[in-house]
Amino acid sequence: MTIEKLGWLRDEFSDEIPNEVIHGGGRFKVRRAWWQCLTGNLELGLQEGVIPEELREDTQTFLEDTITEFRQQSLTYPEDIQRANNLLDRILGRSSG
């Protein structure tokens, strides 16, 4: 289930950064709820062993960095979304990274 959920998070949410802060609905990767769902599923993927062994360290580093960034910045930037997309693509076997 986690791999399917990671694919859903990668493909079904927009990379667009709206001009105003989003409060509530919308399928945007800028929303905190998306990031919380992503980090939760990545942590679950690590626990369940569905994250490929060669990506476990990169995934753990991404999680640590993301948690730190949440405490330090209030907005999501294009680079944040691209980094998440790149990791997801690698986990999903869509790129060699």
N, C-alpha and C. Protein backbone atom coordinates (compact mmCIF):
# COMPACT_ATOMS: atom_id res chain seq x y z
N MET A 1 0.81 -1.20 0.00
CA MET A 1 0.00 0.00 0.00
C MET A 1 0.85 1.26 0.00
N THR A 2 1.95 1.26 0.69
CA THR A 2 2.77 2.47 0.81
C THR A 2 3.30 2.92 -0.55
N ILE A 3 3.74 1.99 -1.39
CA ILE A 3 4.26 2.38 -2.71
C ILE A 3 3.15 3.04 -3.52
N GLU A 4 1.95 2.46 -3.47
CA GLU A 4 0.82 3.06 -4.18
C GLU A 4 0.51 4.45 -3.64
N LYS A 5 0.58 4.60 -2.34
CA LYS A 5 0.31 5.90 -1.71
C LYS A 5 1.39 6.91 -2.12
N LEU A 6 2.64 6.48 -2.19
CA LEU A 6 3.72 7.38 -2.62
C LEU A 6 3.51 7.80 -4.06
N GLY A 7 3.07 6.89 -4.92
CA GLY A 7 2.76 7.23 -6.31
C GLY A 7 1.62 8.23 -6.39
N TRP A 8 0.61 8.04 -5.56
CA TRP A 8 -0.53 8.96 -5.49
C TRP A 8 -0.07 10.35 -5.06
N LEU A 9 0.78 10.41 -4.04
CA LEU A 9 1.29 11.69 -3.58
C LEU A 9 2.13 12.37 -4.65
N ARG A 10 2.87 11.59 -5.43
CA ARG A 10 3.73 12.14 -6.49
C ARG A 10 2.90 12.67 -7.66
N ASP A 11 1.88 11.91 -8.05
CA ASP A 11 1.19 12.20 -9.31
C ASP A 11 -0.12 12.97 -9.21
N GLU A 12 -0.78 12.89 -8.08
CA GLU A 12 -2.13 13.45 -7.98
C GLU A 12 -2.19 14.83 -7.32
N PHE A 13 -1.03 15.41 -7.04
CA PHE A 13 -0.97 16.73 -6.43
C PHE A 13 -0.14 17.65 -7.30
N SER A 14 -0.53 18.89 -7.36
CA SER A 14 0.11 19.86 -8.24
C SER A 14 1.41 20.39 -7.65
N ASP A 15 2.41 20.56 -8.54
CA ASP A 15 3.66 21.20 -8.17
C ASP A 15 3.54 22.72 -8.14
N GLU A 16 2.42 23.23 -8.65
CA GLU A 16 2.20 24.67 -8.75
C GLU A 16 2.24 25.31 -7.36
N ILE A 17 2.81 26.49 -7.32
CA ILE A 17 2.79 27.28 -6.09
C ILE A 17 1.85 28.45 -6.33
N PRO A 18 0.65 28.39 -5.71
CA PRO A 18 -0.34 29.46 -5.90
C PRO A 18 0.19 30.80 -5.39
N ASN A 19 -0.40 31.87 -5.91
CA ASN A 19 0.01 33.22 -5.51
C ASN A 19 -0.34 33.56 -4.07
N GLU A 20 -1.34 32.88 -3.53
CA GLU A 20 -1.70 33.14 -2.14
C GLU A 20 -1.56 31.86 -1.33
N VAL A 21 -1.45 32.01 -0.02
CA VAL A 21 -1.33 30.88 0.87
C VAL A 21 -2.63 30.09 0.83
N ILE A 22 -2.51 28.77 0.71
CA ILE A 22 -3.68 27.89 0.64
C ILE A 22 -4.08 27.49 2.06
N HIS A 23 -5.31 27.76 2.41
CA HIS A 23 -5.88 27.33 3.70
C HIS A 23 -7.03 26.40 3.37
N GLY A 24 -6.86 25.13 3.65
CA GLY A 24 -7.94 24.19 3.38
C GLY A 24 -7.68 23.39 2.13
N GLY A 25 -8.70 23.25 1.28
CA GLY A 25 -8.69 22.34 0.15
C GLY A 25 -7.67 22.63 -0.93
N GLY A 26 -7.69 21.76 -1.90
CA GLY A 26 -6.78 21.87 -3.04
C GLY A 26 -5.69 20.83 -2.99
N ARG A 27 -5.38 20.29 -4.14
CA ARG A 27 -4.33 19.26 -4.23
C ARG A 27 -3.03 19.90 -4.67
N PHE A 28 -2.37 20.52 -3.72
CA PHE A 28 -1.10 21.19 -3.96
C PHE A 28 -0.03 20.64 -3.03
N LYS A 29 1.16 20.49 -3.56
CA LYS A 29 2.28 20.00 -2.75
C LYS A 29 2.80 21.06 -1.79
N VAL A 30 2.34 22.28 -1.93
CA VAL A 30 2.77 23.33 -0.99
C VAL A 30 2.07 23.20 0.36
N ARG A 31 1.00 22.46 0.42
CA ARG A 31 0.23 22.36 1.66
C ARG A 31 0.96 21.52 2.71
N ARG A 32 0.89 21.96 3.93
CA ARG A 32 1.54 21.23 5.05
C ARG A 32 0.99 19.81 5.15
N ALA A 33 -0.31 19.66 4.89
CA ALA A 33 -0.92 18.33 4.98
C ALA A 33 -0.26 17.36 4.00
N TRP A 34 0.10 17.85 2.80
CA TRP A 34 0.78 16.98 1.83
C TRP A 34 2.12 16.53 2.39
N TRP A 35 2.86 17.46 2.95
CA TRP A 35 4.19 17.14 3.50
C TRP A 35 4.07 16.18 4.68
N GLN A 36 3.06 16.35 5.52
CA GLN A 36 2.85 15.44 6.64
C GLN A 36 2.52 14.04 6.15
N CYS A 37 1.67 13.96 5.14
CA CYS A 37 1.32 12.66 4.56
C CYS A 37 2.55 12.02 3.92
N LEU A 38 3.33 12.82 3.21
CA LEU A 38 4.55 12.31 2.57
C LEU A 38 5.52 11.76 3.61
N THR A 39 5.83 12.54 4.62
CA THR A 39 6.81 12.09 5.61
C THR A 39 6.30 10.87 6.37
N GLY A 40 5.02 10.85 6.68
CA GLY A 40 4.46 9.69 7.36
C GLY A 40 4.56 8.43 6.52
N ASN A 41 4.28 8.54 5.23
CA ASN A 41 4.36 7.37 4.35
C ASN A 41 5.80 6.94 4.10
N LEU A 42 6.72 7.91 4.03
CA LEU A 42 8.13 7.54 3.89
C LEU A 42 8.63 6.81 5.14
N GLU A 43 8.23 7.30 6.31
CA GLU A 43 8.63 6.63 7.55
C GLU A 43 8.05 5.22 7.61
N LEU A 44 6.79 5.08 7.22
CA LEU A 44 6.15 3.76 7.18
C LEU A 44 6.85 2.86 6.17
N GLY A 45 7.21 3.43 5.02
CA GLY A 45 7.92 2.66 4.00
C GLY A 45 9.27 2.15 4.50
N LEU A 46 9.95 2.97 5.29
CA LEU A 46 11.22 2.52 5.88
C LEU A 46 10.98 1.39 6.87
N GLN A 47 9.96 1.54 7.71
CA GLN A 47 9.65 0.52 8.71
C GLN A 47 9.22 -0.79 8.08
N GLU A 48 8.44 -0.71 7.01
CA GLU A 48 7.91 -1.92 6.36
C GLU A 48 8.88 -2.52 5.36
N GLY A 49 9.98 -1.82 5.09
CA GLY A 49 10.97 -2.34 4.17
C GLY A 49 10.61 -2.20 2.70
N VAL A 50 9.68 -1.30 2.36
CA VAL A 50 9.31 -1.13 0.95
C VAL A 50 10.18 -0.09 0.24
N ILE A 51 10.92 0.69 1.01
CA ILE A 51 11.89 1.62 0.41
C ILE A 51 13.11 0.77 0.04
N PRO A 52 13.54 0.83 -1.22
CA PRO A 52 14.70 0.03 -1.63
C PRO A 52 15.92 0.32 -0.74
N GLU A 53 16.65 -0.72 -0.44
CA GLU A 53 17.81 -0.61 0.45
C GLU A 53 18.76 0.51 0.03
N GLU A 54 19.00 0.64 -1.27
CA GLU A 54 19.94 1.65 -1.75
C GLU A 54 19.42 3.08 -1.57
N LEU A 55 18.15 3.24 -1.21
CA LEU A 55 17.56 4.57 -1.01
C LEU A 55 17.22 4.85 0.45
N ARG A 56 17.48 3.90 1.31
CA ARG A 56 17.12 4.08 2.73
C ARG A 56 17.84 5.28 3.36
N GLU A 57 19.13 5.40 3.11
CA GLU A 57 19.89 6.51 3.70
C GLU A 57 19.43 7.86 3.14
N ASP A 58 19.22 7.92 1.82
CA ASP A 58 18.73 9.16 1.20
C ASP A 58 17.35 9.53 1.75
N THR A 59 16.51 8.52 1.96
CA THR A 59 15.17 8.77 2.48
C THR A 59 15.24 9.29 3.91
N GLN A 60 16.09 8.67 4.72
CA GLN A 60 16.24 9.11 6.11
C GLN A 60 16.78 10.54 6.17
N THR A 61 17.74 10.86 5.33
CA THR A 61 18.28 12.22 5.28
C THR A 61 17.20 13.21 4.85
N PHE A 62 16.42 12.85 3.84
CA PHE A 62 15.32 13.70 3.38
C PHE A 62 14.35 13.96 4.53
N LEU A 63 13.99 12.92 5.27
CA LEU A 63 13.06 13.08 6.39
C LEU A 63 13.63 14.02 7.46
N GLU A 64 14.88 13.83 7.81
CA GLU A 64 15.51 14.68 8.82
C GLU A 64 15.56 16.13 8.35
N ASP A 65 15.95 16.34 7.09
CA ASP A 65 16.01 17.70 6.54
C ASP A 65 14.63 18.34 6.49
N THR A 66 13.63 17.58 6.08
CA THR A 66 12.28 18.11 5.95
C THR A 66 11.73 18.53 7.30
N ILE A 67 11.92 17.71 8.30
CA ILE A 67 11.45 18.06 9.64
C ILE A 67 12.13 19.33 10.13
N THR A 68 13.43 19.46 9.91
CA THR A 68 14.17 20.66 10.31
C THR A 68 13.66 21.88 9.55
N GLU A 69 13.44 21.74 8.24
CA GLU A 69 12.96 22.86 7.42
C GLU A 69 11.58 23.33 7.86
N PHE A 70 10.71 22.41 8.26
CA PHE A 70 9.38 22.80 8.72
C PHE A 70 9.47 23.73 9.92
N ARG A 71 10.46 23.52 10.75
CA ARG A 71 10.62 24.37 11.93
C ARG A 71 11.23 25.72 11.58
N GLN A 72 11.96 25.81 10.45
CA GLN A 72 12.70 27.02 10.12
C GLN A 72 12.06 27.89 9.06
N GLN A 73 11.20 27.34 8.21
CA GLN A 73 10.61 28.15 7.14
C GLN A 73 9.10 27.97 7.12
N SER A 74 8.42 29.03 6.78
CA SER A 74 6.96 28.99 6.79
C SER A 74 6.36 28.68 5.41
N LEU A 75 7.15 28.80 4.35
CA LEU A 75 6.64 28.57 3.01
C LEU A 75 7.39 27.42 2.33
N THR A 76 6.73 26.82 1.35
CA THR A 76 7.34 25.79 0.52
C THR A 76 7.87 26.43 -0.74
N TYR A 77 9.07 26.06 -1.15
CA TYR A 77 9.71 26.63 -2.33
C TYR A 77 9.79 25.58 -3.45
N PRO A 78 9.94 26.02 -4.69
CA PRO A 78 10.04 25.07 -5.81
C PRO A 78 11.12 24.01 -5.59
N GLU A 79 12.23 24.39 -4.98
CA GLU A 79 13.32 23.45 -4.74
C GLU A 79 12.89 22.34 -3.78
N ASP A 80 12.04 22.68 -2.81
CA ASP A 80 11.53 21.68 -1.86
C ASP A 80 10.70 20.63 -2.60
N ILE A 81 9.82 21.10 -3.46
CA ILE A 81 8.95 20.20 -4.22
C ILE A 81 9.79 19.35 -5.17
N GLN A 82 10.77 19.94 -5.83
CA GLN A 82 11.61 19.19 -6.76
C GLN A 82 12.39 18.11 -6.04
N ARG A 83 12.90 18.43 -4.87
CA ARG A 83 13.65 17.43 -4.09
C ARG A 83 12.75 16.26 -3.71
N ALA A 84 11.52 16.57 -3.28
CA ALA A 84 10.57 15.51 -2.93
C ALA A 84 10.22 14.68 -4.17
N ASN A 85 9.95 15.34 -5.29
CA ASN A 85 9.63 14.62 -6.52
C ASN A 85 10.78 13.71 -6.95
N ASN A 86 12.00 14.20 -6.86
CA ASN A 86 13.17 13.41 -7.25
C ASN A 86 13.29 12.14 -6.40
N LEU A 87 13.11 12.29 -5.09
CA LEU A 87 13.18 11.12 -4.22
C LEU A 87 12.06 10.15 -4.55
N LEU A 88 10.85 10.67 -4.70
CA LEU A 88 9.72 9.79 -5.03
C LEU A 88 9.95 9.07 -6.35
N ASP A 89 10.45 9.77 -7.35
CA ASP A 89 10.73 9.14 -8.64
C ASP A 89 11.72 7.99 -8.48
N ARG A 90 12.72 8.20 -7.68
CA ARG A 90 13.73 7.15 -7.45
C ARG A 90 13.10 5.95 -6.72
N ILE A 91 12.32 6.22 -5.70
CA ILE A 91 11.66 5.14 -4.95
C ILE A 91 10.71 4.37 -5.85
N LEU A 92 10.01 5.07 -6.72
CA LEU A 92 9.03 4.45 -7.62
C LEU A 92 9.68 3.82 -8.85
N GLY A 93 11.00 3.93 -8.95
CA GLY A 93 11.72 3.34 -10.07
C GLY A 93 11.55 4.07 -11.37
N ARG A 94 11.29 5.37 -11.30
CA ARG A 94 11.07 6.17 -12.50
C ARG A 94 12.32 6.89 -12.99
N SER A 95 13.35 6.92 -12.18
CA SER A 95 14.61 7.55 -12.61
C SER A 95 15.74 6.94 -11.82
N SER A 96 16.93 7.08 -12.34
CA SER A 96 18.09 6.49 -11.66
C SER A 96 18.70 7.43 -10.63
N GLY A 97 18.27 8.73 -10.66
CA GLY A 97 18.72 9.71 -9.70
C GLY A 97 20.17 9.92 -9.71
